[in-house]
Structures are given as C-alpha cells and as structure tokens.
Amino acid sequence: MKIEMHAHTSPVSPCGMLTPVQVVKIYEELGYDAIVVTNHYSEYSMPLLGDTFNEKIGNFIADYRACVKAARTIKVFLGAEVAIRGPYSRAEFLLYGIDEDFLYDSPLLIEQTQSRLYSLCRQCGAVMIQAHPFRTEFNMVPQDCGLMDGIEVNCHPAHLRQEEKVRDFASAHGLLVTAGSDFHGDGMPSAGIITDEPVDDVKELAEVLRSKKYRYFYDKNKIVELP
C-alpha cells in the first residue's frame, strides 16, 4: 500500500488551498492507496472553527468526513498535526491512530505539554511523530526524544527535507522515521510510506508504524529502508 502521511485540506487548515474533494481526486489520480488527513490543530486554526470545544472538534473533523465521502478508490484515515510549545521551541506533532472519539474525549490538545500529549497518544495506541523537526525558518528543533515515537522527513516543495539529519537523529535515539508530502495544494504529492501489510483503519496504520513494517518514499523512484 502507498500511503500519504501528511496532507492538509481547506478550510480546516487555513493554509490549505484545496477542498477535500479536490485533494482526494489528486491522490486517486496519482495511484495512492490511502491518505491520512492531518489538518492543523493549532493556536491559529482552532479559534476559527467555533466558539465551544465541541464546535471546534466537529468542524475539525468535517474535512476528514468530506474526504471519506469523496473517496472512490482510496482509503481515508483521520490524523492531526498538533502544534504545542515543546520543551525547546514551538513544535508540531503528527498523530496516527487517533479517531473522532479521541478528539472529543481529550482536552484541548494545543494546551498540553509534550509529555501530556504523548501520554494521551499512548493511552489510545496512537503513534506520535514530530513533523519537520529541522525546519529552521520556524526555529523548530527536535524535541524530547523520550516523549515521541519518531520524526518526519518532510517533503514540502518549499522546504529542505533534511533527510540526513532526520535519519541520524532517529538512529541515535531509536526513533521511527516517516515521510510525508506536507501537501497544501501548492505542489504535487510526492511522499509517504509503502507497506505490504493491509491497512484498513487507523489502528492498523499505527501498528504498521510501530512494527516498522514499511519503507518511506519521496520523488518518483526514491524508496528508502528505515535506518
């Protein structure tokens, strides 16, 4: 299976340029088997989604549900890119293995520490990956390696992948490495993971990551084994 691990839709992600229907169409035409919708759950996106907590969460998952409705040949999984103040700087974490109940039952995630966010993920069996940990223009650096499961090779067209730094840090600290297009509509999807395991839901996706039964890829033919 070819799975996109990092994609945004509009209007839930204010920086997203394409609607759920448009995003799904692109991934289906490119031959992806699945996509994880990881919209921004952040200090700048959540205030736009409603006044009450339930309104915010309901509107946050609306784009995911629209993607599910639009899908014809691919699977759509719910994820999130949660922004918090980490131990060393602002940080964003990709959550894999969460569902709608997790979002409704958890406290507002942008107000949590890295430790608390990781604890919430572990309680539900989710995997927590730091997004673009070497994105220098936002002063982002790797956070507490004991309070996350892995880090990402980010393949957004406007930013450096920093793949060597990601792999070295992951190897030194026993972390997973994933890859994602960080798709916003300002370039074509070009990354993700490949697995021989069947993945039918978010729990199976999390298990594939934990068991390292995948490779990551980017560009047209670059497929990489885990470090």
Protein backbone atom coordinates (compact mmCIF):
# COMPACT_ATOMS: atom_id res chain seq x y z
CA MET A 1 0.00 0.00 0.00
CA LYS A 2 1.11 3.52 -0.86
CA ILE A 3 0.02 5.91 1.89
CA GLU A 4 0.29 9.70 2.16
CA MET A 5 1.13 10.55 5.77
CA HIS A 6 0.84 14.34 5.81
CA ALA A 7 -1.85 16.27 3.91
CA HIS A 8 -3.98 19.34 4.53
CA THR A 9 -7.38 20.42 3.24
CA SER A 10 -9.27 23.69 3.19
CA PRO A 11 -10.96 25.23 5.10
CA VAL A 12 -9.92 23.37 8.27
CA SER A 13 -6.24 24.13 7.58
CA PRO A 14 -6.20 27.88 6.82
CA CYS A 15 -3.03 27.38 4.74
CA GLY A 16 -4.67 24.66 2.66
CA MET A 17 -5.50 25.63 -0.92
CA LEU A 18 -7.77 22.77 -1.98
CA THR A 19 -11.07 21.32 -0.79
CA PRO A 20 -11.43 17.72 0.37
CA VAL A 21 -12.97 16.73 -2.96
CA GLN A 22 -10.06 18.26 -4.88
CA VAL A 23 -7.45 16.66 -2.62
CA VAL A 24 -8.97 13.19 -2.87
CA LYS A 25 -9.19 13.46 -6.66
CA ILE A 26 -5.47 14.26 -6.91
CA TYR A 27 -4.41 11.34 -4.76
CA GLU A 28 -6.66 8.92 -6.58
CA GLU A 29 -5.27 10.04 -9.94
CA LEU A 30 -1.72 9.56 -8.63
CA GLY A 31 -2.44 5.99 -7.60
CA TYR A 32 -2.20 6.32 -3.83
CA ASP A 33 -3.97 3.62 -1.84
CA ALA A 34 -4.65 5.76 1.22
CA ILE A 35 -4.24 9.24 2.66
CA VAL A 36 -4.01 10.44 6.25
CA VAL A 37 -5.74 13.80 6.61
CA THR A 38 -3.52 15.64 9.10
CA ASN A 39 -5.10 19.06 9.30
CA HIS A 40 -3.67 21.73 11.58
CA TYR A 41 -4.82 21.50 15.18
CA SER A 42 -3.09 24.70 16.25
CA GLU A 43 -3.34 28.01 18.00
CA TYR A 44 -4.16 29.75 14.73
CA SER A 45 -6.59 27.21 13.24
CA MET A 46 -8.71 26.10 16.21
CA PRO A 47 -10.09 29.57 17.11
CA LEU A 48 -11.52 29.76 13.58
CA LEU A 49 -13.50 26.54 13.99
CA GLY A 50 -16.09 27.61 16.55
CA ASP A 51 -16.71 29.03 19.99
CA THR A 52 -17.21 25.89 22.05
CA PHE A 53 -14.93 22.87 22.32
CA ASN A 54 -17.47 20.58 20.63
CA GLU A 55 -17.95 23.05 17.78
CA LYS A 56 -14.19 23.20 17.22
CA ILE A 57 -13.81 19.41 17.12
CA GLY A 58 -16.91 18.94 14.99
CA ASN A 59 -15.64 21.41 12.42
CA PHE A 60 -12.11 19.99 12.61
CA ILE A 61 -13.30 16.54 11.55
CA ALA A 62 -15.66 17.92 8.89
CA ASP A 63 -12.99 17.97 6.19
CA TYR A 64 -11.95 14.41 7.05
CA ARG A 65 -15.55 13.27 6.70
CA ALA A 66 -15.82 15.11 3.39
CA CYS A 67 -12.71 13.28 2.17
CA VAL A 68 -14.22 9.94 3.18
CA LYS A 69 -17.41 10.81 1.29
CA ALA A 70 -15.48 11.84 -1.83
CA ALA A 71 -13.17 8.80 -1.89
CA ARG A 72 -13.78 6.19 -4.56
CA THR A 73 -10.57 4.21 -4.89
CA ILE A 74 -8.55 5.18 -1.79
CA LYS A 75 -8.93 4.81 1.95
CA VAL A 76 -9.02 7.96 4.08
CA PHE A 77 -7.67 7.96 7.63
CA LEU A 78 -8.06 10.61 10.32
CA GLY A 79 -4.93 12.21 11.74
CA ALA A 80 -3.88 15.59 13.08
CA GLU A 81 -0.90 17.93 13.13
CA VAL A 82 -0.93 19.31 16.65
CA ALA A 83 1.09 22.42 17.50
CA ILE A 84 2.28 22.90 21.07
CA ARG A 85 5.02 24.63 22.97
CA GLY A 86 7.61 21.86 23.31
CA PRO A 87 10.50 21.71 25.77
CA TYR A 88 12.85 23.54 23.39
CA SER A 89 10.66 25.51 20.97
CA ARG A 90 7.31 25.51 19.24
CA ALA A 91 6.75 22.06 17.76
CA GLU A 92 4.21 20.23 15.63
CA PHE A 93 3.37 16.55 16.06
CA LEU A 94 1.61 14.25 13.63
CA LEU A 95 -0.78 11.85 15.36
CA TYR A 96 -1.54 8.49 13.74
CA GLY A 97 -4.05 6.04 15.17
CA ILE A 98 -6.49 8.56 16.61
CA ASP A 99 -10.22 8.59 15.91
CA GLU A 100 -13.07 11.02 16.40
CA ASP A 101 -13.73 9.80 19.95
CA PHE A 102 -10.13 10.57 20.88
CA LEU A 103 -10.53 14.17 19.73
CA TYR A 104 -13.81 14.66 21.57
CA ASP A 105 -12.67 12.90 24.75
CA SER A 106 -9.25 14.59 25.04
CA PRO A 107 -8.67 18.04 26.48
CA LEU A 108 -7.80 20.81 24.02
CA LEU A 109 -4.55 19.44 22.61
CA ILE A 110 -2.86 22.76 21.89
CA GLU A 111 -2.82 23.45 25.63
CA GLN A 112 -0.96 20.24 26.51
CA THR A 113 2.71 19.70 27.22
CA GLN A 114 4.66 17.25 25.09
CA SER A 115 4.58 14.80 27.98
CA ARG A 116 0.81 15.02 28.35
CA LEU A 117 0.20 14.79 24.60
CA TYR A 118 2.40 11.69 24.37
CA SER A 119 0.58 10.14 27.33
CA LEU A 120 -2.77 10.69 25.64
CA CYS A 121 -1.46 9.05 22.48
CA ARG A 122 -0.09 6.05 24.34
CA GLN A 123 -3.37 5.53 26.16
CA CYS A 124 -5.22 5.07 22.86
CA GLY A 125 -2.44 3.27 20.99
CA ALA A 126 -1.63 6.18 18.69
CA VAL A 127 1.81 6.99 17.27
CA MET A 128 3.25 10.49 17.72
CA ILE A 129 5.74 11.79 15.14
CA GLN A 130 7.41 15.19 15.22
CA ALA A 131 6.76 16.98 11.93
CA HIS A 132 9.65 18.73 10.13
CA PRO A 133 11.94 18.75 13.21
CA PHE A 134 14.68 20.72 11.44
CA ARG A 135 12.58 23.49 9.88
CA THR A 136 14.91 26.33 10.70
CA GLU A 137 12.74 29.18 9.39
CA PHE A 138 10.34 28.49 12.27
CA ASN A 139 13.17 27.80 14.73
CA MET A 140 11.94 24.22 15.07
CA VAL A 141 14.31 21.68 16.58
CA PRO A 142 13.91 18.06 17.71
CA GLN A 143 12.00 17.87 20.98
CA ASP A 144 12.32 15.44 23.89
CA CYS A 145 13.12 12.16 22.13
CA GLY A 146 11.73 10.13 25.05
CA LEU A 147 8.30 11.66 24.59
CA MET A 148 7.61 10.84 20.94
CA ASP A 149 7.76 7.82 18.67
CA GLY A 150 9.55 9.25 15.66
CA ILE A 151 10.38 12.14 13.38
CA GLU A 152 9.48 13.02 9.82
CA VAL A 153 11.31 13.53 6.54
CA ASN A 154 9.18 16.43 5.36
CA CYS A 155 8.84 16.71 1.59
CA HIS A 156 7.03 20.01 1.18
CA PRO A 157 8.35 21.54 -2.07
CA ALA A 158 9.36 24.82 -0.43
CA HIS A 159 11.43 23.35 2.39
CA LEU A 160 14.55 21.21 2.65
CA ARG A 161 13.96 17.57 3.54
CA GLN A 162 16.91 17.50 5.97
CA GLU A 163 16.84 13.73 5.48
CA GLU A 164 20.37 13.07 6.73
CA LYS A 165 19.76 14.99 9.96
CA VAL A 166 16.44 13.20 10.47
CA ARG A 167 17.93 9.74 9.94
CA ASP A 168 20.96 10.46 12.15
CA PHE A 169 18.80 11.76 14.99
CA ALA A 170 16.39 8.85 14.68
CA SER A 171 19.22 6.30 14.71
CA ALA A 172 20.84 7.91 17.74
CA HIS A 173 17.61 7.86 19.75
CA GLY A 174 15.81 4.76 18.50
CA LEU A 175 13.02 6.67 16.77
CA LEU A 176 10.84 5.85 13.78
CA VAL A 177 11.22 7.76 10.52
CA THR A 178 8.22 8.58 8.35
CA ALA A 179 7.85 10.75 5.27
CA GLY A 180 5.02 12.92 4.02
CA SER A 181 4.32 15.45 1.29
CA ASP A 182 3.02 18.09 3.72
CA PHE A 183 0.52 18.69 0.93
CA HIS A 184 -1.26 22.04 0.90
CA GLY A 185 -2.07 22.31 -2.80
CA ASP A 186 1.00 24.37 -3.68
CA GLY A 187 2.78 21.40 -5.25
CA MET A 188 2.09 17.81 -6.16
CA PRO A 189 2.11 14.97 -3.60
CA SER A 190 5.45 13.23 -3.69
CA ALA A 191 5.98 11.24 -0.50
CA GLY A 192 4.61 8.82 2.05
CA ILE A 193 5.15 5.24 3.16
CA ILE A 194 4.86 1.89 1.41
CA THR A 195 3.80 -1.24 3.26
CA ASP A 196 2.99 -4.80 2.26
CA GLU A 197 0.61 -5.05 5.20
CA PRO A 198 -3.12 -4.48 4.70
CA VAL A 199 -4.20 -1.26 6.40
CA ASP A 200 -7.94 -0.84 6.75
CA ASP A 201 -8.19 1.52 9.72
CA VAL A 202 -6.18 3.88 11.90
CA LYS A 203 -5.31 1.19 14.45
CA GLU A 204 -3.75 -0.97 11.76
CA LEU A 205 -1.85 2.05 10.47
CA ALA A 206 -0.41 2.70 13.93
CA GLU A 207 0.58 -0.96 14.24
CA VAL A 208 2.38 -0.89 10.87
CA LEU A 209 4.38 2.09 12.09
CA ARG A 210 5.22 0.59 15.47
CA SER A 211 6.29 -2.71 13.91
CA LYS A 212 8.38 -0.92 11.26
CA LYS A 213 6.74 -2.92 8.50
CA TYR A 214 7.10 -0.14 5.97
CA ARG A 215 9.51 1.90 3.90
CA TYR A 216 9.25 5.58 3.16
CA PHE A 217 9.45 7.22 -0.26
CA TYR A 218 9.71 10.57 -1.97
CA ASP A 219 10.02 11.85 -5.53
CA LYS A 220 9.19 9.34 -8.25
CA ASN A 221 11.54 6.47 -7.54
CA LYS A 222 13.26 7.13 -4.20
CA ILE A 223 12.26 4.34 -1.79
CA VAL A 224 14.17 4.21 1.48
CA GLU A 225 14.55 1.47 4.08
CA LEU A 226 14.31 2.53 7.72
CA PRO A 227 17.59 3.38 9.47
